Amino acid sequence: VFVDFFVSYLTGSSEEEEEEEEEKNMVVPKSLRRAMKKVDAKELVPLACMNVIMPTAMVTMHTDPNLSSSSAKTAKRGKVILSTLLQDEADGEKDDFLVLDNCLAMLEAADAAINTMEVEMDDDDDDDDEGDDVDEELVKYWQDFYVKWGYKETQLNDIITTISEVLA
């Protein structure tokens, strides 16, 4: 039931819904927020991350403008969900930092893929504090994910931009 509601929120479309979203300034519905709090974060967070990065990447992968537009809308809604989960972490509603850890790992993985560098090379740079606290298993997970879905430099840059906006 939760997954159906999650998907319905992300992909639902009607002019009336779009007008309501604009009025609500893209706020996650209370019923979905309550449902998200009941789901295991270890399952929810990667799903929420994927629901941002996959449609973000598809915006430029689609050749059909309608599909591209639909992906952009889904990515925007996914970004709102991910931002909400991140804010819940910051507010202390969660004991761990799964959202932050995944976001940092997604950025690191995308950056490494763009630069065609191995993540281990970043670890050897003593002057670079950035990425030192990034979970290397998560970085590997997201690197494999990007490869699996065939994301190229354009999509990886879009992912970096979007996830950076979530973290801002």
N, C-alpha and C. Protein backbone atom coordinates (compact mmCIF):
# COMPACT_ATOMS: atom_id res chain seq x y z
N VAL A 1 0.82 -1.18 0.00
CA VAL A 1 0.00 0.00 0.00
C VAL A 1 0.88 1.26 0.00
N PHE A 2 1.93 1.26 0.83
CA PHE A 2 2.80 2.44 0.89
C PHE A 2 3.43 2.71 -0.47
N VAL A 3 3.93 1.67 -1.12
CA VAL A 3 4.61 1.86 -2.41
C VAL A 3 3.64 2.43 -3.43
N ASP A 4 2.39 1.95 -3.43
CA ASP A 4 1.39 2.47 -4.36
C ASP A 4 1.14 3.96 -4.13
N PHE A 5 1.03 4.34 -2.87
CA PHE A 5 0.80 5.75 -2.54
C PHE A 5 2.01 6.60 -2.92
N PHE A 6 3.20 6.06 -2.67
CA PHE A 6 4.46 6.73 -3.00
C PHE A 6 4.52 6.98 -4.50
N VAL A 7 4.26 5.95 -5.28
CA VAL A 7 4.29 6.05 -6.75
C VAL A 7 3.21 7.00 -7.24
N SER A 8 2.03 6.91 -6.64
CA SER A 8 0.93 7.79 -7.04
C SER A 8 1.30 9.26 -6.82
N TYR A 9 1.94 9.55 -5.70
CA TYR A 9 2.36 10.93 -5.42
C TYR A 9 3.41 11.38 -6.44
N LEU A 10 4.37 10.51 -6.73
CA LEU A 10 5.47 10.89 -7.61
C LEU A 10 5.03 11.09 -9.06
N THR A 11 4.10 10.27 -9.51
CA THR A 11 3.79 10.26 -10.94
C THR A 11 2.40 10.79 -11.27
N GLY A 12 1.57 11.04 -10.27
CA GLY A 12 0.21 11.51 -10.53
C GLY A 12 0.22 12.79 -11.32
N SER A 13 -0.76 12.92 -12.22
CA SER A 13 -0.79 14.14 -13.01
C SER A 13 -2.21 14.48 -13.43
N SER A 14 -2.54 15.67 -13.11
CA SER A 14 -3.76 16.29 -13.63
C SER A 14 -3.55 17.78 -13.43
N GLU A 15 -4.23 18.55 -14.23
CA GLU A 15 -4.07 20.01 -14.10
C GLU A 15 -4.46 20.47 -12.70
N GLU A 16 -5.50 19.85 -12.15
CA GLU A 16 -5.95 20.23 -10.82
C GLU A 16 -4.86 19.94 -9.78
N GLU A 17 -4.24 18.76 -9.89
CA GLU A 17 -3.16 18.40 -8.97
C GLU A 17 -1.99 19.37 -9.10
N GLU A 18 -1.66 19.73 -10.32
CA GLU A 18 -0.54 20.64 -10.55
C GLU A 18 -0.81 22.00 -9.93
N GLU A 19 -2.04 22.48 -10.05
CA GLU A 19 -2.39 23.76 -9.44
C GLU A 19 -2.31 23.66 -7.92
N GLU A 20 -2.79 22.55 -7.37
CA GLU A 20 -2.72 22.35 -5.92
C GLU A 20 -1.27 22.33 -5.45
N GLU A 21 -0.39 21.67 -6.21
CA GLU A 21 1.03 21.60 -5.85
C GLU A 21 1.64 22.98 -5.80
N GLU A 22 1.35 23.79 -6.80
CA GLU A 22 1.90 25.14 -6.83
C GLU A 22 1.42 25.93 -5.61
N GLU A 23 0.15 25.77 -5.27
CA GLU A 23 -0.38 26.47 -4.11
C GLU A 23 0.26 25.99 -2.82
N LYS A 24 0.54 24.71 -2.73
CA LYS A 24 1.14 24.14 -1.52
C LYS A 24 2.66 24.28 -1.49
N ASN A 25 3.22 24.84 -2.55
CA ASN A 25 4.67 25.03 -2.64
C ASN A 25 5.41 23.71 -2.49
N MET A 26 4.88 22.69 -3.14
CA MET A 26 5.53 21.38 -3.17
C MET A 26 5.82 20.82 -1.77
N VAL A 27 4.79 20.65 -1.00
CA VAL A 27 4.90 20.06 0.33
C VAL A 27 4.42 18.62 0.26
N VAL A 28 5.15 17.72 0.92
CA VAL A 28 4.75 16.32 0.95
C VAL A 28 3.44 16.22 1.73
N PRO A 29 2.44 15.56 1.16
CA PRO A 29 1.16 15.42 1.87
C PRO A 29 1.36 14.76 3.25
N LYS A 30 0.57 15.20 4.22
CA LYS A 30 0.69 14.68 5.58
C LYS A 30 0.54 13.17 5.63
N SER A 31 -0.37 12.64 4.85
CA SER A 31 -0.58 11.19 4.87
C SER A 31 0.66 10.44 4.37
N LEU A 32 1.34 10.99 3.38
CA LEU A 32 2.56 10.36 2.90
C LEU A 32 3.68 10.51 3.93
N ARG A 33 3.77 11.65 4.57
CA ARG A 33 4.78 11.85 5.63
C ARG A 33 4.59 10.85 6.76
N ARG A 34 3.33 10.65 7.16
CA ARG A 34 3.06 9.66 8.22
C ARG A 34 3.46 8.27 7.77
N ALA A 35 3.13 7.93 6.54
CA ALA A 35 3.47 6.61 6.02
C ALA A 35 4.99 6.43 5.94
N MET A 36 5.71 7.48 5.54
CA MET A 36 7.18 7.39 5.42
C MET A 36 7.81 7.13 6.79
N LYS A 37 7.23 7.67 7.84
CA LYS A 37 7.78 7.49 9.19
C LYS A 37 7.62 6.06 9.67
N LYS A 38 6.69 5.33 9.09
CA LYS A 38 6.43 3.95 9.51
C LYS A 38 7.26 2.92 8.73
N VAL A 39 7.88 3.34 7.66
CA VAL A 39 8.64 2.43 6.81
C VAL A 39 10.10 2.39 7.27
N ASP A 40 10.72 1.22 7.13
CA ASP A 40 12.13 1.06 7.48
C ASP A 40 12.97 2.01 6.62
N ALA A 41 13.71 2.88 7.28
CA ALA A 41 14.51 3.90 6.58
C ALA A 41 15.54 3.26 5.65
N LYS A 42 16.03 2.08 5.99
CA LYS A 42 17.02 1.41 5.13
C LYS A 42 16.43 1.00 3.79
N GLU A 43 15.12 0.87 3.74
CA GLU A 43 14.44 0.59 2.47
C GLU A 43 13.96 1.88 1.82
N LEU A 44 13.47 2.79 2.64
CA LEU A 44 12.88 4.03 2.13
C LEU A 44 13.91 4.96 1.52
N VAL A 45 15.04 5.16 2.18
CA VAL A 45 16.01 6.16 1.73
C VAL A 45 16.57 5.84 0.35
N PRO A 46 17.06 4.61 0.09
CA PRO A 46 17.54 4.35 -1.28
C PRO A 46 16.43 4.52 -2.33
N LEU A 47 15.22 4.11 -1.98
CA LEU A 47 14.09 4.28 -2.90
C LEU A 47 13.83 5.76 -3.16
N ALA A 48 13.86 6.56 -2.11
CA ALA A 48 13.66 8.00 -2.27
C ALA A 48 14.77 8.62 -3.11
N CYS A 49 16.00 8.17 -2.90
CA CYS A 49 17.13 8.67 -3.70
C CYS A 49 16.95 8.31 -5.17
N MET A 50 16.57 7.07 -5.42
CA MET A 50 16.36 6.63 -6.80
C MET A 50 15.24 7.41 -7.47
N ASN A 51 14.23 7.78 -6.67
CA ASN A 51 13.10 8.54 -7.22
C ASN A 51 13.45 9.99 -7.48
N VAL A 52 14.67 10.37 -7.16
CA VAL A 52 15.19 11.68 -7.56
C VAL A 52 16.14 11.51 -8.74
N ILE A 53 17.10 10.62 -8.60
CA ILE A 53 18.15 10.56 -9.62
C ILE A 53 17.70 9.91 -10.93
N MET A 54 16.82 8.92 -10.85
CA MET A 54 16.39 8.27 -12.09
C MET A 54 15.60 9.22 -12.99
N PRO A 55 14.56 9.88 -12.49
CA PRO A 55 13.86 10.81 -13.38
C PRO A 55 14.71 12.03 -13.74
N THR A 56 15.61 12.44 -12.84
CA THR A 56 16.51 13.54 -13.17
C THR A 56 17.35 13.17 -14.39
N ALA A 57 17.88 11.97 -14.39
CA ALA A 57 18.68 11.52 -15.52
C ALA A 57 17.83 11.36 -16.78
N MET A 58 16.60 10.91 -16.61
CA MET A 58 15.74 10.66 -17.77
C MET A 58 15.30 11.93 -18.48
N VAL A 59 15.35 13.06 -17.79
CA VAL A 59 14.96 14.32 -18.43
C VAL A 59 15.77 14.53 -19.70
N THR A 60 17.07 14.28 -19.65
CA THR A 60 17.92 14.48 -20.83
C THR A 60 18.10 13.21 -21.66
N MET A 61 17.71 12.07 -21.12
CA MET A 61 17.82 10.82 -21.90
C MET A 61 16.62 10.63 -22.84
N HIS A 62 15.46 11.14 -22.42
CA HIS A 62 14.26 11.01 -23.26
C HIS A 62 14.38 11.88 -24.50
N THR A 63 13.92 11.36 -25.61
CA THR A 63 13.86 12.16 -26.84
C THR A 63 12.47 12.78 -27.04
N ASP A 64 11.48 12.21 -26.38
CA ASP A 64 10.12 12.72 -26.45
C ASP A 64 9.95 13.83 -25.41
N PRO A 65 9.59 15.05 -25.83
CA PRO A 65 9.44 16.16 -24.89
C PRO A 65 8.41 15.90 -23.79
N ASN A 66 7.34 15.17 -24.10
CA ASN A 66 6.33 14.86 -23.09
C ASN A 66 6.89 13.94 -22.00
N LEU A 67 7.66 12.96 -22.42
CA LEU A 67 8.28 12.06 -21.45
C LEU A 67 9.32 12.80 -20.62
N SER A 68 10.06 13.67 -21.26
CA SER A 68 11.05 14.47 -20.55
C SER A 68 10.38 15.36 -19.51
N SER A 69 9.28 15.98 -19.88
CA SER A 69 8.53 16.83 -18.97
C SER A 69 7.97 16.04 -17.79
N SER A 70 7.46 14.86 -18.08
CA SER A 70 6.93 13.99 -17.04
C SER A 70 8.04 13.58 -16.07
N SER A 71 9.21 13.27 -16.60
CA SER A 71 10.35 12.92 -15.76
C SER A 71 10.77 14.09 -14.88
N ALA A 72 10.73 15.29 -15.43
CA ALA A 72 11.10 16.48 -14.65
C ALA A 72 10.14 16.68 -13.48
N LYS A 73 8.84 16.45 -13.73
CA LYS A 73 7.85 16.59 -12.67
C LYS A 73 8.07 15.53 -11.58
N THR A 74 8.33 14.29 -12.00
CA THR A 74 8.59 13.23 -11.04
C THR A 74 9.84 13.52 -10.23
N ALA A 75 10.88 14.01 -10.90
CA ALA A 75 12.13 14.35 -10.20
C ALA A 75 11.88 15.45 -9.18
N LYS A 76 11.09 16.43 -9.55
CA LYS A 76 10.80 17.54 -8.64
C LYS A 76 10.07 17.04 -7.39
N ARG A 77 9.11 16.17 -7.58
CA ARG A 77 8.38 15.61 -6.45
C ARG A 77 9.29 14.72 -5.61
N GLY A 78 10.12 13.94 -6.28
CA GLY A 78 11.07 13.09 -5.56
C GLY A 78 12.04 13.92 -4.74
N LYS A 79 12.44 15.04 -5.29
CA LYS A 79 13.35 15.95 -4.59
C LYS A 79 12.69 16.51 -3.32
N VAL A 80 11.40 16.79 -3.40
CA VAL A 80 10.67 17.28 -2.23
C VAL A 80 10.64 16.21 -1.15
N ILE A 81 10.41 14.97 -1.54
CA ILE A 81 10.40 13.87 -0.58
C ILE A 81 11.77 13.71 0.06
N LEU A 82 12.82 13.69 -0.76
CA LEU A 82 14.18 13.53 -0.24
C LEU A 82 14.55 14.69 0.67
N SER A 83 14.18 15.90 0.30
CA SER A 83 14.45 17.06 1.14
C SER A 83 13.72 16.96 2.48
N THR A 84 12.50 16.46 2.44
CA THR A 84 11.72 16.27 3.67
C THR A 84 12.39 15.25 4.58
N LEU A 85 12.85 14.14 4.01
CA LEU A 85 13.55 13.12 4.79
C LEU A 85 14.84 13.68 5.38
N LEU A 86 15.54 14.48 4.60
CA LEU A 86 16.78 15.10 5.08
C LEU A 86 16.49 16.07 6.22
N GLN A 87 15.42 16.84 6.08
CA GLN A 87 15.05 17.78 7.15
C GLN A 87 14.66 17.02 8.42
N ASP A 88 13.97 15.90 8.26
CA ASP A 88 13.61 15.08 9.43
C ASP A 88 14.87 14.61 10.15
N GLU A 89 15.89 14.23 9.38
CA GLU A 89 17.17 13.85 9.99
C GLU A 89 17.78 15.02 10.75
N ALA A 90 17.80 16.17 10.12
CA ALA A 90 18.39 17.36 10.72
C ALA A 90 17.64 17.77 11.99
N ASP A 91 16.34 17.52 12.01
CA ASP A 91 15.52 17.86 13.17
C ASP A 91 15.62 16.82 14.28
N GLY A 92 16.42 15.79 14.04
CA GLY A 92 16.61 14.76 15.06
C GLY A 92 15.53 13.71 15.12
N GLU A 93 14.70 13.64 14.08
CA GLU A 93 13.63 12.64 14.07
C GLU A 93 14.16 11.25 13.77
N LYS A 94 15.39 11.17 13.30
CA LYS A 94 16.03 9.88 13.00
C LYS A 94 17.34 9.81 13.77
N ASP A 95 17.71 8.60 14.17
CA ASP A 95 18.94 8.41 14.93
C ASP A 95 20.18 8.34 14.04
N ASP A 96 19.98 8.06 12.78
CA ASP A 96 21.11 7.93 11.87
C ASP A 96 21.02 9.02 10.80
N PHE A 97 21.95 8.98 9.89
CA PHE A 97 21.99 9.99 8.83
C PHE A 97 22.00 9.32 7.46
N LEU A 98 21.07 8.40 7.26
CA LEU A 98 21.01 7.65 6.01
C LEU A 98 20.81 8.55 4.80
N VAL A 99 19.97 9.55 4.92
CA VAL A 99 19.71 10.43 3.77
C VAL A 99 20.97 11.22 3.45
N LEU A 100 21.56 11.85 4.44
CA LEU A 100 22.78 12.62 4.23
C LEU A 100 23.89 11.72 3.68
N ASP A 101 24.06 10.56 4.28
CA ASP A 101 25.11 9.64 3.81
C ASP A 101 24.91 9.24 2.36
N ASN A 102 23.67 8.93 1.99
CA ASN A 102 23.38 8.56 0.61
C ASN A 102 23.58 9.73 -0.34
N CYS A 103 23.15 10.91 0.05
CA CYS A 103 23.33 12.09 -0.80
C CYS A 103 24.81 12.37 -1.04
N LEU A 104 25.61 12.32 0.01
CA LEU A 104 27.06 12.54 -0.14
C LEU A 104 27.68 11.46 -1.01
N ALA A 105 27.24 10.23 -0.84
CA ALA A 105 27.77 9.13 -1.65
C ALA A 105 27.36 9.28 -3.11
N MET A 106 26.13 9.72 -3.37
CA MET A 106 25.69 9.92 -4.76
C MET A 106 26.53 11.00 -5.43
N LEU A 107 26.82 12.07 -4.70
CA LEU A 107 27.66 13.14 -5.25
C LEU A 107 29.06 12.63 -5.53
N GLU A 108 29.64 11.93 -4.58
CA GLU A 108 30.99 11.40 -4.73
C GLU A 108 31.07 10.43 -5.91
N ALA A 109 30.09 9.55 -6.02
CA ALA A 109 30.06 8.56 -7.10
C ALA A 109 29.91 9.24 -8.46
N ALA A 110 29.05 10.24 -8.54
CA ALA A 110 28.86 10.95 -9.81
C ALA A 110 30.12 11.72 -10.19
N ASP A 111 30.72 12.38 -9.22
CA ASP A 111 31.94 13.13 -9.47
C ASP A 111 33.05 12.20 -9.93
N ALA A 112 33.19 11.08 -9.26
CA ALA A 112 34.23 10.11 -9.63
C ALA A 112 33.99 9.57 -11.04
N ALA A 113 32.73 9.31 -11.36
CA ALA A 113 32.41 8.80 -12.69
C ALA A 113 32.72 9.83 -13.76
N ILE A 114 32.40 11.08 -13.48
CA ILE A 114 32.67 12.14 -14.46
C ILE A 114 34.17 12.29 -14.68
N ASN A 115 34.89 12.25 -13.62
CA ASN A 115 36.34 12.43 -13.71
C ASN A 115 37.08 11.15 -14.05
N THR A 116 36.31 10.08 -14.26
CA THR A 116 36.86 8.76 -14.55
C THR A 116 38.02 8.41 -13.62
N MET A 117 37.83 8.79 -12.38
CA MET A 117 38.81 8.47 -11.35
C MET A 117 38.20 7.41 -10.44
N GLU A 118 39.04 6.61 -9.85
CA GLU A 118 38.55 5.67 -8.86
C GLU A 118 38.41 6.41 -7.54
N VAL A 119 37.44 6.02 -6.75
CA VAL A 119 37.18 6.68 -5.48
C VAL A 119 38.40 6.61 -4.58
N GLU A 120 39.16 5.52 -4.66
CA GLU A 120 40.33 5.36 -3.81
C GLU A 120 41.35 6.48 -4.02
N MET A 121 41.41 7.05 -5.22
CA MET A 121 42.34 8.13 -5.50
C MET A 121 42.03 9.34 -4.63
N ASP A 122 40.76 9.60 -4.38
CA ASP A 122 40.38 10.72 -3.53
C ASP A 122 40.84 10.50 -2.09
N ASP A 123 40.84 9.25 -1.65
CA ASP A 123 41.24 8.95 -0.28
C ASP A 123 42.72 9.22 -0.03
N ASP A 124 43.53 9.17 -1.08
CA ASP A 124 44.97 9.37 -0.93
C ASP A 124 45.35 10.84 -0.85
N ASP A 125 44.43 11.73 -1.13
CA ASP A 125 44.71 13.17 -1.15
C ASP A 125 44.52 13.74 0.25
N ASP A 126 45.62 13.96 0.96
CA ASP A 126 45.56 14.44 2.34
C ASP A 126 45.06 15.87 2.45
N ASP A 127 45.18 16.66 1.40
CA ASP A 127 44.76 18.04 1.45
C ASP A 127 43.27 18.21 1.21
N ASP A 128 42.60 17.15 0.81
CA ASP A 128 41.19 17.23 0.46
C ASP A 128 40.36 16.59 1.56
N ASP A 129 39.74 17.41 2.39
CA ASP A 129 38.90 16.90 3.47
C ASP A 129 37.54 16.46 2.95
N GLU A 130 37.16 16.95 1.79
CA GLU A 130 35.86 16.63 1.23
C GLU A 130 35.84 15.15 0.86
N GLY A 131 34.79 14.45 1.27
CA GLY A 131 34.65 13.05 0.94
C GLY A 131 35.26 12.12 1.96
N ASP A 132 35.99 12.64 2.96
CA ASP A 132 36.62 11.79 3.95
C ASP A 132 35.59 11.04 4.78
N ASP A 133 34.43 11.62 4.99
CA ASP A 133 33.40 11.00 5.80
C ASP A 133 32.37 10.25 4.96
N VAL A 134 32.63 10.10 3.69
CA VAL A 134 31.68 9.44 2.81
C VAL A 134 31.83 7.93 2.94
N ASP A 135 30.71 7.26 3.09
CA ASP A 135 30.67 5.81 3.22
C ASP A 135 31.05 5.19 1.86
N GLU A 136 32.20 4.55 1.82
CA GLU A 136 32.71 4.00 0.55
C GLU A 136 31.82 2.89 -0.02
N GLU A 137 31.15 2.14 0.86
CA GLU A 137 30.22 1.12 0.36
C GLU A 137 29.04 1.77 -0.36
N LEU A 138 28.56 2.87 0.19
CA LEU A 138 27.48 3.60 -0.48
C LEU A 138 27.95 4.21 -1.79
N VAL A 139 29.17 4.73 -1.82
CA VAL A 139 29.72 5.29 -3.06
C VAL A 139 29.76 4.19 -4.12
N LYS A 140 30.23 3.02 -3.75
CA LYS A 140 30.30 1.89 -4.69
C LYS A 140 28.90 1.50 -5.15
N TYR A 141 27.95 1.48 -4.23
CA TYR A 141 26.57 1.15 -4.57
C TYR A 141 26.05 2.11 -5.65
N TRP A 142 26.27 3.43 -5.45
CA TRP A 142 25.76 4.41 -6.40
C TRP A 142 26.57 4.41 -7.69
N GLN A 143 27.87 4.13 -7.63
CA GLN A 143 28.65 4.00 -8.87
C GLN A 143 28.09 2.86 -9.71
N ASP A 144 27.86 1.73 -9.08
CA ASP A 144 27.30 0.58 -9.79
C ASP A 144 25.92 0.91 -10.36
N PHE A 145 25.14 1.64 -9.62
CA PHE A 145 23.81 2.05 -10.06
C PHE A 145 23.91 2.91 -11.32
N TYR A 146 24.81 3.89 -11.31
CA TYR A 146 24.99 4.77 -12.47
C TYR A 146 25.43 3.98 -13.71
N VAL A 147 26.33 3.04 -13.50
CA VAL A 147 26.80 2.21 -14.62
C VAL A 147 25.66 1.35 -15.14
N LYS A 148 24.93 0.72 -14.21
CA LYS A 148 23.82 -0.16 -14.60
C LYS A 148 22.82 0.56 -15.50
N TRP A 149 22.52 1.82 -15.19
CA TRP A 149 21.53 2.56 -15.95
C TRP A 149 22.12 3.38 -17.09
N GLY A 150 23.42 3.29 -17.26
CA GLY A 150 24.06 3.91 -18.42
C GLY A 150 24.11 5.43 -18.40
N TYR A 151 24.20 6.01 -17.21
CA TYR A 151 24.25 7.46 -17.12
C TYR A 151 25.58 7.99 -17.64
N LYS A 152 25.49 9.01 -18.45
CA LYS A 152 26.66 9.66 -19.05
C LYS A 152 26.92 10.97 -18.32
N GLU A 153 27.88 11.72 -18.81
CA GLU A 153 28.30 12.95 -18.14
C GLU A 153 27.14 13.93 -17.93
N THR A 154 26.29 14.09 -18.93
CA THR A 154 25.15 15.01 -18.80
C THR A 154 24.25 14.61 -17.65
N GLN A 155 23.89 13.33 -17.59
CA GLN A 155 23.00 12.87 -16.53
C GLN A 155 23.69 12.97 -15.16
N LEU A 156 24.97 12.64 -15.11
CA LEU A 156 25.70 12.72 -13.84
C LEU A 156 25.80 14.17 -13.35
N ASN A 157 26.01 15.09 -14.26
CA ASN A 157 26.03 16.51 -13.88
C ASN A 157 24.65 16.96 -13.38
N ASP A 158 23.60 16.48 -14.04
CA ASP A 158 22.24 16.81 -13.60
C ASP A 158 21.99 16.26 -12.19
N ILE A 159 22.46 15.04 -11.94
CA ILE A 159 22.32 14.43 -10.63
C ILE A 159 23.08 15.23 -9.58
N ILE A 160 24.30 15.64 -9.90
CA ILE A 160 25.09 16.46 -8.97
C ILE A 160 24.35 17.76 -8.64
N THR A 161 23.81 18.40 -9.66
CA THR A 161 23.08 19.66 -9.44
C THR A 161 21.87 19.44 -8.54
N THR A 162 21.10 18.41 -8.85
CA THR A 162 19.87 18.15 -8.10
C THR A 162 20.16 17.76 -6.66
N ILE A 163 21.09 16.85 -6.43
CA ILE A 163 21.40 16.42 -5.07
C ILE A 163 22.04 17.57 -4.29
N SER A 164 22.83 18.38 -4.95
CA SER A 164 23.41 19.57 -4.28
C SER A 164 22.30 20.52 -3.83
N GLU A 165 21.25 20.65 -4.64
CA GLU A 165 20.11 21.49 -4.27
C GLU A 165 19.38 20.91 -3.05
N VAL A 166 19.28 19.59 -2.98
CA VAL A 166 18.66 18.95 -1.82
C VAL A 166 19.46 19.26 -0.57
N LEU A 167 20.79 19.24 -0.69
CA LEU A 167 21.65 19.46 0.46
C LEU A 167 21.79 20.92 0.86
N ALA A 168 21.42 21.83 -0.04
CA ALA A 168 21.59 23.28 0.24
C ALA A 168 20.67 23.77 1.33
